[in-house]
Amino acid sequence: SSSAHKINGPKGIGFLYIRKGVKIRSFIHGGAQERKRRAGTE
């Protein structure tokens, strides 16, 4: 897990690195953004 505003980036944006093959599901449901794993307009 990481967050942009700790490294001179904007607030309200982060990322989760998920190694290929790790079978975790969507956390936020809705559209097909982020390869169908995280819904919501980018």
PDB file of all heavy atoms in Angstrom:
ATOM      1  N   SER A   1       0.841  -1.210   0.000  1.00  0.00           N
ATOM      2  CA  SER A   1       0.000   0.000   0.000  1.00  0.00           C
ATOM      3  C   SER A   1       0.868   1.248   0.000  1.00  0.00           C
ATOM      4  O   SER A   1       1.922   1.275   0.638  1.00  0.00           O
ATOM      5  CB  SER A   1      -0.880   0.034   1.255  1.00  0.00           C
ATOM      6  OG  SER A   1      -1.583  -1.166   1.425  1.00  0.00           O
ATOM      7  N   SER A   2       0.384   2.288  -0.697  1.00  0.00           N
ATOM      8  CA  SER A   2       1.117   3.551  -0.719  1.00  0.00           C
ATOM      9  C   SER A   2       0.157   4.716  -0.925  1.00  0.00           C
ATOM     10  O   SER A   2      -0.988   4.521  -1.325  1.00  0.00           O
ATOM     11  CB  SER A   2       2.174   3.527  -1.822  1.00  0.00           C
ATOM     12  OG  SER A   2       2.900   4.738  -1.852  1.00  0.00           O
ATOM     13  N   SER A   3       0.656   5.941  -0.652  1.00  0.00           N
ATOM     14  CA  SER A   3      -0.175   7.139  -0.749  1.00  0.00           C
ATOM     15  C   SER A   3       0.663   8.301  -1.279  1.00  0.00           C
ATOM     16  O   SER A   3       1.778   8.529  -0.813  1.00  0.00           O
ATOM     17  CB  SER A   3      -0.729   7.482   0.638  1.00  0.00           C
ATOM     18  OG  SER A   3      -1.586   8.593   0.571  1.00  0.00           O
ATOM     19  N   ALA A   4       0.096   9.045  -2.230  1.00  0.00           N
ATOM     20  CA  ALA A   4       0.866  10.081  -2.932  1.00  0.00           C
ATOM     21  C   ALA A   4       1.237  11.267  -2.060  1.00  0.00           C
ATOM     22  O   ALA A   4       2.309  11.856  -2.229  1.00  0.00           O
ATOM     23  CB  ALA A   4       0.070  10.573  -4.148  1.00  0.00           C
ATOM     24  N   HIS A   5       0.377  11.640  -1.124  1.00  0.00           N
ATOM     25  CA  HIS A   5       0.617  12.904  -0.416  1.00  0.00           C
ATOM     26  C   HIS A   5       1.764  12.826   0.584  1.00  0.00           C
ATOM     27  O   HIS A   5       2.155  13.848   1.159  1.00  0.00           O
ATOM     28  CB  HIS A   5      -0.673  13.418   0.247  1.00  0.00           C
ATOM     29  CG  HIS A   5      -1.077  12.697   1.492  1.00  0.00           C
ATOM     30  ND1 HIS A   5      -0.873  13.217   2.744  1.00  0.00           N
ATOM     31  CD2 HIS A   5      -1.694  11.506   1.677  1.00  0.00           C
ATOM     32  CE1 HIS A   5      -1.351  12.376   3.657  1.00  0.00           C
ATOM     33  NE2 HIS A   5      -1.853  11.340   3.027  1.00  0.00           N
ATOM     34  N   LYS A   6       2.345  11.643   0.763  1.00  0.00           N
ATOM     35  CA  LYS A   6       3.530  11.516   1.615  1.00  0.00           C
ATOM     36  C   LYS A   6       4.811  11.810   0.839  1.00  0.00           C
ATOM     37  O   LYS A   6       5.882  11.936   1.435  1.00  0.00           O
ATOM     38  CB  LYS A   6       3.617  10.102   2.207  1.00  0.00           C
ATOM     39  CG  LYS A   6       2.374   9.625   2.939  1.00  0.00           C
ATOM     40  CD  LYS A   6       2.077  10.412   4.184  1.00  0.00           C
ATOM     41  CE  LYS A   6       0.925   9.775   4.957  1.00  0.00           C
ATOM     42  NZ  LYS A   6       0.587  10.525   6.176  1.00  0.00           N
ATOM     43  N   ILE A   7       4.727  11.879  -0.484  1.00  0.00           N
ATOM     44  CA  ILE A   7       5.934  12.079  -1.301  1.00  0.00           C
ATOM     45  C   ILE A   7       5.784  13.281  -2.243  1.00  0.00           C
ATOM     46  O   ILE A   7       6.208  13.230  -3.394  1.00  0.00           O
ATOM     47  CB  ILE A   7       6.312  10.799  -2.083  1.00  0.00           C
ATOM     48  CG1 ILE A   7       5.180  10.351  -3.033  1.00  0.00           C
ATOM     49  CG2 ILE A   7       6.699   9.671  -1.149  1.00  0.00           C
ATOM     50  CD1 ILE A   7       5.632   9.354  -4.088  1.00  0.00           C
ATOM     51  N   ASN A   8       5.188  14.361  -1.728  1.00  0.00           N
ATOM     52  CA  ASN A   8       5.001  15.596  -2.499  1.00  0.00           C
ATOM     53  C   ASN A   8       4.044  15.436  -3.667  1.00  0.00           C
ATOM     54  O   ASN A   8       4.124  16.155  -4.664  1.00  0.00           O
ATOM     55  CB  ASN A   8       6.349  16.152  -2.989  1.00  0.00           C
ATOM     56  CG  ASN A   8       7.321  16.384  -1.839  1.00  0.00           C
ATOM     57  OD1 ASN A   8       8.268  15.620  -1.672  1.00  0.00           O
ATOM     58  ND2 ASN A   8       7.073  17.394  -1.043  1.00  0.00           N
ATOM     59  N   GLY A   9       3.123  14.487  -3.529  1.00  0.00           N
ATOM     60  CA  GLY A   9       2.051  14.301  -4.498  1.00  0.00           C
ATOM     61  C   GLY A   9       0.749  14.824  -3.933  1.00  0.00           C
ATOM     62  O   GLY A   9       0.690  15.331  -2.804  1.00  0.00           O
ATOM     63  N   PRO A  10      -0.345  14.698  -4.701  1.00  0.00           N
ATOM     64  CA  PRO A  10      -1.646  15.203  -4.239  1.00  0.00           C
ATOM     65  C   PRO A  10      -2.300  14.275  -3.211  1.00  0.00           C
ATOM     66  O   PRO A  10      -1.972  13.088  -3.138  1.00  0.00           O
ATOM     67  CB  PRO A  10      -2.471  15.237  -5.524  1.00  0.00           C
ATOM     68  CG  PRO A  10      -1.873  14.156  -6.387  1.00  0.00           C
ATOM     69  CD  PRO A  10      -0.406  14.141  -6.062  1.00  0.00           C
ATOM     70  N   LYS A  11      -3.228  14.818  -2.455  1.00  0.00           N
ATOM     71  CA  LYS A  11      -4.025  14.009  -1.528  1.00  0.00           C
ATOM     72  C   LYS A  11      -5.131  13.305  -2.299  1.00  0.00           C
ATOM     73  O   LYS A  11      -5.521  13.733  -3.379  1.00  0.00           O
ATOM     74  CB  LYS A  11      -4.605  14.893  -0.432  1.00  0.00           C
ATOM     75  CG  LYS A  11      -3.537  15.510   0.469  1.00  0.00           C
ATOM     76  CD  LYS A  11      -4.132  16.545   1.404  1.00  0.00           C
ATOM     77  CE  LYS A  11      -3.054  17.184   2.279  1.00  0.00           C
ATOM     78  NZ  LYS A  11      -2.064  17.965   1.488  1.00  0.00           N
ATOM     79  N   GLY A  12      -5.638  12.212  -1.724  1.00  0.00           N
ATOM     80  CA  GLY A  12      -6.782  11.530  -2.321  1.00  0.00           C
ATOM     81  C   GLY A  12      -6.429  10.522  -3.397  1.00  0.00           C
ATOM     82  O   GLY A  12      -7.315  10.080  -4.128  1.00  0.00           O
ATOM     83  N   ILE A  13      -5.155  10.138  -3.493  1.00  0.00           N
ATOM     84  CA  ILE A  13      -4.768   9.118  -4.466  1.00  0.00           C
ATOM     85  C   ILE A  13      -3.684   8.218  -3.849  1.00  0.00           C
ATOM     86  O   ILE A  13      -2.772   8.696  -3.176  1.00  0.00           O
ATOM     87  CB  ILE A  13      -4.280   9.749  -5.803  1.00  0.00           C
ATOM     88  CG1 ILE A  13      -4.006   8.685  -6.859  1.00  0.00           C
ATOM     89  CG2 ILE A  13      -3.070  10.642  -5.582  1.00  0.00           C
ATOM     90  CD1 ILE A  13      -5.234   8.029  -7.418  1.00  0.00           C
ATOM     91  N   GLY A  14      -3.851   6.925  -4.047  1.00  0.00           N
ATOM     92  CA  GLY A  14      -2.872   5.944  -3.573  1.00  0.00           C
ATOM     93  C   GLY A  14      -2.858   4.780  -4.538  1.00  0.00           C
ATOM     94  O   GLY A  14      -3.464   4.829  -5.608  1.00  0.00           O
ATOM     95  N   PHE A  15      -2.159   3.728  -4.167  1.00  0.00           N
ATOM     96  CA  PHE A  15      -2.224   2.510  -4.973  1.00  0.00           C
ATOM     97  C   PHE A  15      -2.041   1.290  -4.084  1.00  0.00           C
ATOM     98  O   PHE A  15      -1.506   1.370  -2.970  1.00  0.00           O
ATOM     99  CB  PHE A  15      -1.186   2.512  -6.120  1.00  0.00           C
ATOM    100  CG  PHE A  15       0.248   2.316  -5.701  1.00  0.00           C
ATOM    101  CD1 PHE A  15       0.763   1.060  -5.373  1.00  0.00           C
ATOM    102  CD2 PHE A  15       1.111   3.404  -5.656  1.00  0.00           C
ATOM    103  CE1 PHE A  15       2.089   0.896  -5.006  1.00  0.00           C
ATOM    104  CE2 PHE A  15       2.445   3.246  -5.290  1.00  0.00           C
ATOM    105  CZ  PHE A  15       2.934   1.980  -4.959  1.00  0.00           C
ATOM    106  N   LEU A  16      -2.524   0.174  -4.598  1.00  0.00           N
ATOM    107  CA  LEU A  16      -2.249  -1.128  -4.009  1.00  0.00           C
ATOM    108  C   LEU A  16      -1.546  -1.962  -5.070  1.00  0.00           C
ATOM    109  O   LEU A  16      -2.083  -2.159  -6.168  1.00  0.00           O
ATOM    110  CB  LEU A  16      -3.534  -1.820  -3.555  1.00  0.00           C
ATOM    111  CG  LEU A  16      -3.352  -3.217  -2.933  1.00  0.00           C
ATOM    112  CD1 LEU A  16      -2.546  -3.142  -1.637  1.00  0.00           C
ATOM    113  CD2 LEU A  16      -4.708  -3.882  -2.664  1.00  0.00           C
ATOM    114  N   TYR A  17      -0.336  -2.408  -4.758  1.00  0.00           N
ATOM    115  CA  TYR A  17       0.354  -3.379  -5.615  1.00  0.00           C
ATOM    116  C   TYR A  17      -0.176  -4.756  -5.248  1.00  0.00           C
ATOM    117  O   TYR A  17      -0.208  -5.127  -4.069  1.00  0.00           O
ATOM    118  CB  TYR A  17       1.870  -3.300  -5.393  1.00  0.00           C
ATOM    119  CG  TYR A  17       2.601  -4.576  -5.754  1.00  0.00           C
ATOM    120  CD1 TYR A  17       2.886  -4.889  -7.084  1.00  0.00           C
ATOM    121  CD2 TYR A  17       2.993  -5.486  -4.766  1.00  0.00           C
ATOM    122  CE1 TYR A  17       3.537  -6.075  -7.414  1.00  0.00           C
ATOM    123  CE2 TYR A  17       3.647  -6.667  -5.093  1.00  0.00           C
ATOM    124  CZ  TYR A  17       3.916  -6.955  -6.411  1.00  0.00           C
ATOM    125  OH  TYR A  17       4.555  -8.135  -6.737  1.00  0.00           O
ATOM    126  N   ILE A  18      -0.627  -5.512  -6.237  1.00  0.00           N
ATOM    127  CA  ILE A  18      -1.093  -6.883  -6.022  1.00  0.00           C
ATOM    128  C   ILE A  18      -0.324  -7.790  -6.971  1.00  0.00           C
ATOM    129  O   ILE A  18      -0.456  -7.684  -8.197  1.00  0.00           O
ATOM    130  CB  ILE A  18      -2.608  -7.037  -6.284  1.00  0.00           C
ATOM    131  CG1 ILE A  18      -3.420  -6.007  -5.488  1.00  0.00           C
ATOM    132  CG2 ILE A  18      -3.070  -8.455  -5.960  1.00  0.00           C
ATOM    133  CD1 ILE A  18      -4.905  -5.971  -5.849  1.00  0.00           C
ATOM    134  N   ARG A  19       0.497  -8.665  -6.406  1.00  0.00           N
ATOM    135  CA  ARG A  19       1.286  -9.571  -7.238  1.00  0.00           C
ATOM    136  C   ARG A  19       0.373 -10.427  -8.125  1.00  0.00           C
ATOM    137  O   ARG A  19      -0.678 -10.903  -7.673  1.00  0.00           O
ATOM    138  CB  ARG A  19       2.148 -10.481  -6.356  1.00  0.00           C
ATOM    139  CG  ARG A  19       3.055 -11.429  -7.150  1.00  0.00           C
ATOM    140  CD  ARG A  19       3.850 -12.343  -6.227  1.00  0.00           C
ATOM    141  NE  ARG A  19       4.830 -11.608  -5.446  1.00  0.00           N
ATOM    142  CZ  ARG A  19       6.006 -11.207  -5.896  1.00  0.00           C
ATOM    143  NH1 ARG A  19       6.361 -11.475  -7.147  1.00  0.00           N
ATOM    144  NH2 ARG A  19       6.851 -10.556  -5.113  1.00  0.00           N
ATOM    145  N   LYS A  20       0.761 -10.607  -9.364  1.00  0.00           N
ATOM    146  CA  LYS A  20      -0.011 -11.432 -10.294  1.00  0.00           C
ATOM    147  C   LYS A  20      -0.168 -12.834  -9.714  1.00  0.00           C
ATOM    148  O   LYS A  20       0.793 -13.438  -9.247  1.00  0.00           O
ATOM    149  CB  LYS A  20       0.714 -11.504 -11.646  1.00  0.00           C
ATOM    150  CG  LYS A  20      -0.142 -12.028 -12.771  1.00  0.00           C
ATOM    151  CD  LYS A  20       0.591 -11.949 -14.099  1.00  0.00           C
ATOM    152  CE  LYS A  20      -0.290 -12.485 -15.226  1.00  0.00           C
ATOM    153  NZ  LYS A  20       0.430 -12.475 -16.520  1.00  0.00           N
ATOM    154  N   GLY A  21      -1.387 -13.328  -9.715  1.00  0.00           N
ATOM    155  CA  GLY A  21      -1.655 -14.659  -9.162  1.00  0.00           C
ATOM    156  C   GLY A  21      -2.306 -14.623  -7.796  1.00  0.00           C
ATOM    157  O   GLY A  21      -2.878 -15.615  -7.346  1.00  0.00           O
ATOM    158  N   VAL A  22      -2.212 -13.454  -7.102  1.00  0.00           N
ATOM    159  CA  VAL A  22      -2.892 -13.313  -5.807  1.00  0.00           C
ATOM    160  C   VAL A  22      -4.383 -13.139  -6.082  1.00  0.00           C
ATOM    161  O   VAL A  22      -4.794 -12.243  -6.820  1.00  0.00           O
ATOM    162  CB  VAL A  22      -2.340 -12.108  -5.014  1.00  0.00           C
ATOM    163  CG1 VAL A  22      -3.175 -11.861  -3.763  1.00  0.00           C
ATOM    164  CG2 VAL A  22      -0.880 -12.344  -4.633  1.00  0.00           C
ATOM    165  N   LYS A  23      -5.180 -14.015  -5.506  1.00  0.00           N
ATOM    166  CA  LYS A  23      -6.605 -14.085  -5.865  1.00  0.00           C
ATOM    167  C   LYS A  23      -7.464 -13.245  -4.930  1.00  0.00           C
ATOM    168  O   LYS A  23      -8.334 -13.769  -4.247  1.00  0.00           O
ATOM    169  CB  LYS A  23      -7.066 -15.546  -5.861  1.00  0.00           C
ATOM    170  CG  LYS A  23      -6.362 -16.406  -6.904  1.00  0.00           C
ATOM    171  CD  LYS A  23      -6.797 -17.859  -6.811  1.00  0.00           C
ATOM    172  CE  LYS A  23      -6.169 -18.702  -7.898  1.00  0.00           C
ATOM    173  NZ  LYS A  23      -4.697 -18.784  -7.794  1.00  0.00           N
ATOM    174  N   ILE A  24      -7.216 -11.942  -4.872  1.00  0.00           N
ATOM    175  CA  ILE A  24      -8.101 -11.130  -4.035  1.00  0.00           C
ATOM    176  C   ILE A  24      -9.152 -10.450  -4.912  1.00  0.00           C
ATOM    177  O   ILE A  24      -8.916 -10.169  -6.079  1.00  0.00           O
ATOM    178  CB  ILE A  24      -7.348 -10.120  -3.144  1.00  0.00           C
ATOM    179  CG1 ILE A  24      -6.904  -8.888  -3.914  1.00  0.00           C
ATOM    180  CG2 ILE A  24      -6.196 -10.756  -2.425  1.00  0.00           C
ATOM    181  CD1 ILE A  24      -6.487  -7.760  -3.000  1.00  0.00           C
ATOM    182  N   ARG A  25     -10.319 -10.237  -4.314  1.00  0.00           N
ATOM    183  CA  ARG A  25     -11.473  -9.753  -5.062  1.00  0.00           C
ATOM    184  C   ARG A  25     -11.577  -8.232  -5.012  1.00  0.00           C
ATOM    185  O   ARG A  25     -10.804  -7.565  -4.353  1.00  0.00           O
ATOM    186  CB  ARG A  25     -12.740 -10.387  -4.471  1.00  0.00           C
ATOM    187  CG  ARG A  25     -12.709 -11.912  -4.544  1.00  0.00           C
ATOM    188  CD  ARG A  25     -13.777 -12.531  -3.675  1.00  0.00           C
ATOM    189  NE  ARG A  25     -13.633 -13.991  -3.634  1.00  0.00           N
ATOM    190  CZ  ARG A  25     -14.327 -14.773  -2.833  1.00  0.00           C
ATOM    191  NH1 ARG A  25     -15.219 -14.251  -2.007  1.00  0.00           N
ATOM    192  NH2 ARG A  25     -14.147 -16.081  -2.854  1.00  0.00           N
ATOM    193  N   SER A  26     -12.598  -7.733  -5.692  1.00  0.00           N
ATOM    194  CA  SER A  26     -12.865  -6.288  -5.672  1.00  0.00           C
ATOM    195  C   SER A  26     -13.233  -5.855  -4.266  1.00  0.00           C
ATOM    196  O   SER A  26     -13.842  -6.606  -3.502  1.00  0.00           O
ATOM    197  CB  SER A  26     -14.026  -5.956  -6.611  1.00  0.00           C
ATOM    198  OG  SER A  26     -13.702  -6.314  -7.931  1.00  0.00           O
ATOM    199  N   PHE A  27     -12.880  -4.614  -3.949  1.00  0.00           N
ATOM    200  CA  PHE A  27     -13.255  -4.027  -2.667  1.00  0.00           C
ATOM    201  C   PHE A  27     -14.399  -3.037  -2.886  1.00  0.00           C
ATOM    202  O   PHE A  27     -15.319  -2.942  -2.088  1.00  0.00           O
ATOM    203  CB  PHE A  27     -12.039  -3.341  -2.051  1.00  0.00           C
ATOM    204  CG  PHE A  27     -12.304  -2.649  -0.749  1.00  0.00           C
ATOM    205  CD1 PHE A  27     -12.838  -3.348   0.327  1.00  0.00           C
ATOM    206  CD2 PHE A  27     -12.022  -1.305  -0.578  1.00  0.00           C
ATOM    207  CE1 PHE A  27     -13.078  -2.721   1.542  1.00  0.00           C
ATOM    208  CE2 PHE A  27     -12.258  -0.670   0.625  1.00  0.00           C
ATOM    209  CZ  PHE A  27     -12.785  -1.377   1.686  1.00  0.00           C
ATOM    210  N   ILE A  28     -14.322  -2.298  -3.988  1.00  0.00           N
ATOM    211  CA  ILE A  28     -15.380  -1.362  -4.361  1.00  0.00           C
ATOM    212  C   ILE A  28     -16.034  -1.877  -5.638  1.00  0.00           C
ATOM    213  O   ILE A  28     -15.342  -2.112  -6.635  1.00  0.00           O
ATOM    214  CB  ILE A  28     -14.813   0.062  -4.564  1.00  0.00           C
ATOM    215  CG1 ILE A  28     -14.303   0.595  -3.219  1.00  0.00           C
ATOM    216  CG2 ILE A  28     -15.853   0.997  -5.158  1.00  0.00           C
ATOM    217  CD1 ILE A  28     -13.634   1.938  -3.292  1.00  0.00           C
ATOM    218  N   HIS A  29     -17.340  -2.061  -5.603  1.00  0.00           N
ATOM    219  CA  HIS A  29     -18.063  -2.667  -6.725  1.00  0.00           C
ATOM    220  C   HIS A  29     -18.756  -1.607  -7.566  1.00  0.00           C
ATOM    221  O   HIS A  29     -19.149  -0.552  -7.076  1.00  0.00           O
ATOM    222  CB  HIS A  29     -19.089  -3.674  -6.195  1.00  0.00           C
ATOM    223  CG  HIS A  29     -18.475  -4.745  -5.354  1.00  0.00           C
ATOM    224  ND1 HIS A  29     -17.835  -5.843  -5.878  1.00  0.00           N
ATOM    225  CD2 HIS A  29     -18.361  -4.861  -4.006  1.00  0.00           C
ATOM    226  CE1 HIS A  29     -17.371  -6.599  -4.899  1.00  0.00           C
ATOM    227  NE2 HIS A  29     -17.678  -6.024  -3.753  1.00  0.00           N
ATOM    228  N   GLY A  30     -18.886  -1.905  -8.853  1.00  0.00           N
ATOM    229  CA  GLY A  30     -19.526  -0.961  -9.778  1.00  0.00           C
ATOM    230  C   GLY A  30     -19.046  -1.231 -11.184  1.00  0.00           C
ATOM    231  O   GLY A  30     -19.308  -2.302 -11.740  1.00  0.00           O
ATOM    232  N   GLY A  31     -18.316  -0.272 -11.759  1.00  0.00           N
ATOM    233  CA  GLY A  31     -17.828  -0.401 -13.128  1.00  0.00           C
ATOM    234  C   GLY A  31     -16.631  -1.332 -13.246  1.00  0.00           C
ATOM    235  O   GLY A  31     -16.207  -1.967 -12.288  1.00  0.00           O
ATOM    236  N   ALA A  32     -16.074  -1.350 -14.451  1.00  0.00           N
ATOM    237  CA  ALA A  32     -14.999  -2.308 -14.762  1.00  0.00           C
ATOM    238  C   ALA A  32     -13.617  -1.666 -14.729  1.00  0.00           C
ATOM    239  O   ALA A  32     -12.661  -2.205 -15.296  1.00  0.00           O
ATOM    240  CB  ALA A  32     -15.256  -2.919 -16.133  1.00  0.00           C
ATOM    241  N   GLN A  33     -13.481  -0.528 -14.050  1.00  0.00           N
ATOM    242  CA  GLN A  33     -12.179   0.148 -14.010  1.00  0.00           C
ATOM    243  C   GLN A  33     -11.128  -0.697 -13.277  1.00  0.00           C
ATOM    244  O   GLN A  33     -11.462  -1.615 -12.532  1.00  0.00           O
ATOM    245  CB  GLN A  33     -12.299   1.521 -13.317  1.00  0.00           C
ATOM    246  CG  GLN A  33     -13.101   2.547 -14.092  1.00  0.00           C
ATOM    247  CD  GLN A  33     -14.586   2.490 -13.785  1.00  0.00           C
ATOM    248  OE1 GLN A  33     -15.063   1.617 -13.071  1.00  0.00           O
ATOM    249  NE2 GLN A  33     -15.329   3.446 -14.335  1.00  0.00           N
ATOM    250  N   GLU A  34      -9.885  -0.323 -13.471  1.00  0.00           N
ATOM    251  CA  GLU A  34      -8.748  -1.012 -12.835  1.00  0.00           C
ATOM    252  C   GLU A  34      -8.838  -2.526 -13.043  1.00  0.00           C
ATOM    253  O   GLU A  34      -8.749  -3.312 -12.103  1.00  0.00           O
ATOM    254  CB  GLU A  34      -8.656  -0.656 -11.348  1.00  0.00           C
ATOM    255  CG  GLU A  34      -8.327   0.805 -11.086  1.00  0.00           C
ATOM    256  CD  GLU A  34      -6.994   1.249 -11.668  1.00  0.00           C
ATOM    257  OE1 GLU A  34      -5.952   0.879 -11.126  1.00  0.00           O
ATOM    258  OE2 GLU A  34      -7.005   1.971 -12.699  1.00  0.00           O
ATOM    259  N   ARG A  35      -9.027  -2.875 -14.302  1.00  0.00           N
ATOM    260  CA  ARG A  35      -9.106  -4.292 -14.715  1.00  0.00           C
ATOM    261  C   ARG A  35     -10.140  -5.058 -13.885  1.00  0.00           C
ATOM    262  O   ARG A  35      -9.898  -6.158 -13.403  1.00  0.00           O
ATOM    263  CB  ARG A  35      -7.724  -4.948 -14.649  1.00  0.00           C
ATOM    264  CG  ARG A  35      -6.763  -4.288 -15.651  1.00  0.00           C
ATOM    265  CD  ARG A  35      -5.344  -4.759 -15.553  1.00  0.00           C
ATOM    266  NE  ARG A  35      -4.697  -4.536 -14.270  1.00  0.00           N
ATOM    267  CZ  ARG A  35      -4.373  -3.343 -13.781  1.00  0.00           C
ATOM    268  NH1 ARG A  35      -4.667  -2.249 -14.460  1.00  0.00           N
ATOM    269  NH2 ARG A  35      -3.776  -3.224 -12.623  1.00  0.00           N
ATOM    270  N   LYS A  36     -11.298  -4.420 -13.701  1.00  0.00           N
ATOM    271  CA  LYS A  36     -12.475  -4.978 -13.013  1.00  0.00           C
ATOM    272  C   LYS A  36     -12.236  -5.255 -11.522  1.00  0.00           C
ATOM    273  O   LYS A  36     -13.004  -5.987 -10.901  1.00  0.00           O
ATOM    274  CB  LYS A  36     -12.942  -6.276 -13.708  1.00  0.00           C
ATOM    275  CG  LYS A  36     -13.356  -6.075 -15.158  1.00  0.00           C
ATOM    276  CD  LYS A  36     -13.863  -7.371 -15.769  1.00  0.00           C
ATOM    277  CE  LYS A  36     -14.272  -7.148 -17.222  1.00  0.00           C
ATOM    278  NZ  LYS A  36     -14.732  -8.374 -17.867  1.00  0.00           N
ATOM    279  N   ARG A  37     -11.205  -4.638 -10.957  1.00  0.00           N
ATOM    280  CA  ARG A  37     -10.907  -4.902  -9.552  1.00  0.00           C
ATOM    281  C   ARG A  37     -11.209  -3.723  -8.628  1.00  0.00           C
ATOM    282  O   ARG A  37     -11.287  -3.887  -7.415  1.00  0.00           O
ATOM    283  CB  ARG A  37      -9.437  -5.311  -9.376  1.00  0.00           C
ATOM    284  CG  ARG A  37      -9.240  -6.816  -9.443  1.00  0.00           C
ATOM    285  CD  ARG A  37      -7.804  -7.175  -9.212  1.00  0.00           C
ATOM    286  NE  ARG A  37      -7.653  -8.522  -8.659  1.00  0.00           N
ATOM    287  CZ  ARG A  37      -6.513  -9.168  -8.575  1.00  0.00           C
ATOM    288  NH1 ARG A  37      -5.401  -8.596  -9.005  1.00  0.00           N
ATOM    289  NH2 ARG A  37      -6.443 -10.366  -8.050  1.00  0.00           N
ATOM    290  N   ARG A  38     -11.344  -2.519  -9.186  1.00  0.00           N
ATOM    291  CA  ARG A  38     -11.618  -1.350  -8.346  1.00  0.00           C
ATOM    292  C   ARG A  38     -12.491  -0.383  -9.125  1.00  0.00           C
ATOM    293  O   ARG A  38     -12.011   0.370  -9.965  1.00  0.00           O
ATOM    294  CB  ARG A  38     -10.290  -0.703  -7.929  1.00  0.00           C
ATOM    295  CG  ARG A  38     -10.371   0.204  -6.699  1.00  0.00           C
ATOM    296  CD  ARG A  38     -10.769   1.617  -7.060  1.00  0.00           C
ATOM    297  NE  ARG A  38     -10.727   2.516  -5.909  1.00  0.00           N
ATOM    298  CZ  ARG A  38     -11.060   3.801  -5.974  1.00  0.00           C
ATOM    299  NH1 ARG A  38     -11.471   4.339  -7.116  1.00  0.00           N
ATOM    300  NH2 ARG A  38     -10.998   4.555  -4.903  1.00  0.00           N
ATOM    301  N   ALA A  39     -13.790  -0.415  -8.842  1.00  0.00           N
ATOM    302  CA  ALA A  39     -14.755   0.375  -9.600  1.00  0.00           C
ATOM    303  C   ALA A  39     -14.646   1.859  -9.276  1.00  0.00           C
ATOM    304  O   ALA A  39     -14.177   2.250  -8.210  1.00  0.00           O
ATOM    305  CB  ALA A  39     -16.165  -0.127  -9.306  1.00  0.00           C
ATOM    306  N   GLY A  40     -15.098   2.673 -10.224  1.00  0.00           N
ATOM    307  CA  GLY A  40     -15.124   4.122 -10.042  1.00  0.00           C
ATOM    308  C   GLY A  40     -14.269   4.811 -11.084  1.00  0.00           C
ATOM    309  O   GLY A  40     -13.178   4.357 -11.405  1.00  0.00           O
ATOM    310  N   THR A  41     -14.787   5.919 -11.633  1.00  0.00           N
ATOM    311  CA  THR A  41     -14.025   6.681 -12.626  1.00  0.00           C
ATOM    312  C   THR A  41     -12.678   7.090 -12.051  1.00  0.00           C
ATOM    313  O   THR A  41     -12.591   7.589 -10.929  1.00  0.00           O
ATOM    314  CB  THR A  41     -14.809   7.940 -13.052  1.00  0.00           C
ATOM    315  OG1 THR A  41     -16.066   7.537 -13.595  1.00  0.00           O
ATOM    316  CG2 THR A  41     -14.037   8.739 -14.085  1.00  0.00           C
ATOM    317  N   GLU A  42     -11.636   6.871 -12.827  1.00  0.00           N
ATOM    318  CA  GLU A  42     -10.278   7.137 -12.354  1.00  0.00           C
ATOM    319  C   GLU A  42     -10.066   8.622 -12.051  1.00  0.00           C
ATOM    320  O   GLU A  42     -10.533   9.490 -12.789  1.00  0.00           O
ATOM    321  CB  GLU A  42      -9.245   6.696 -13.404  1.00  0.00           C
ATOM    322  CG  GLU A  42      -9.215   5.200 -13.669  1.00  0.00           C
ATOM    323  CD  GLU A  42     -10.160   4.785 -14.793  1.00  0.00           C
ATOM    324  OE1 GLU A  42     -11.123   5.540 -15.072  1.00  0.00           O
ATOM    325  OE2 GLU A  42      -9.929   3.713 -15.379  1.00  0.00           O
TER     326      GLU A  42
END
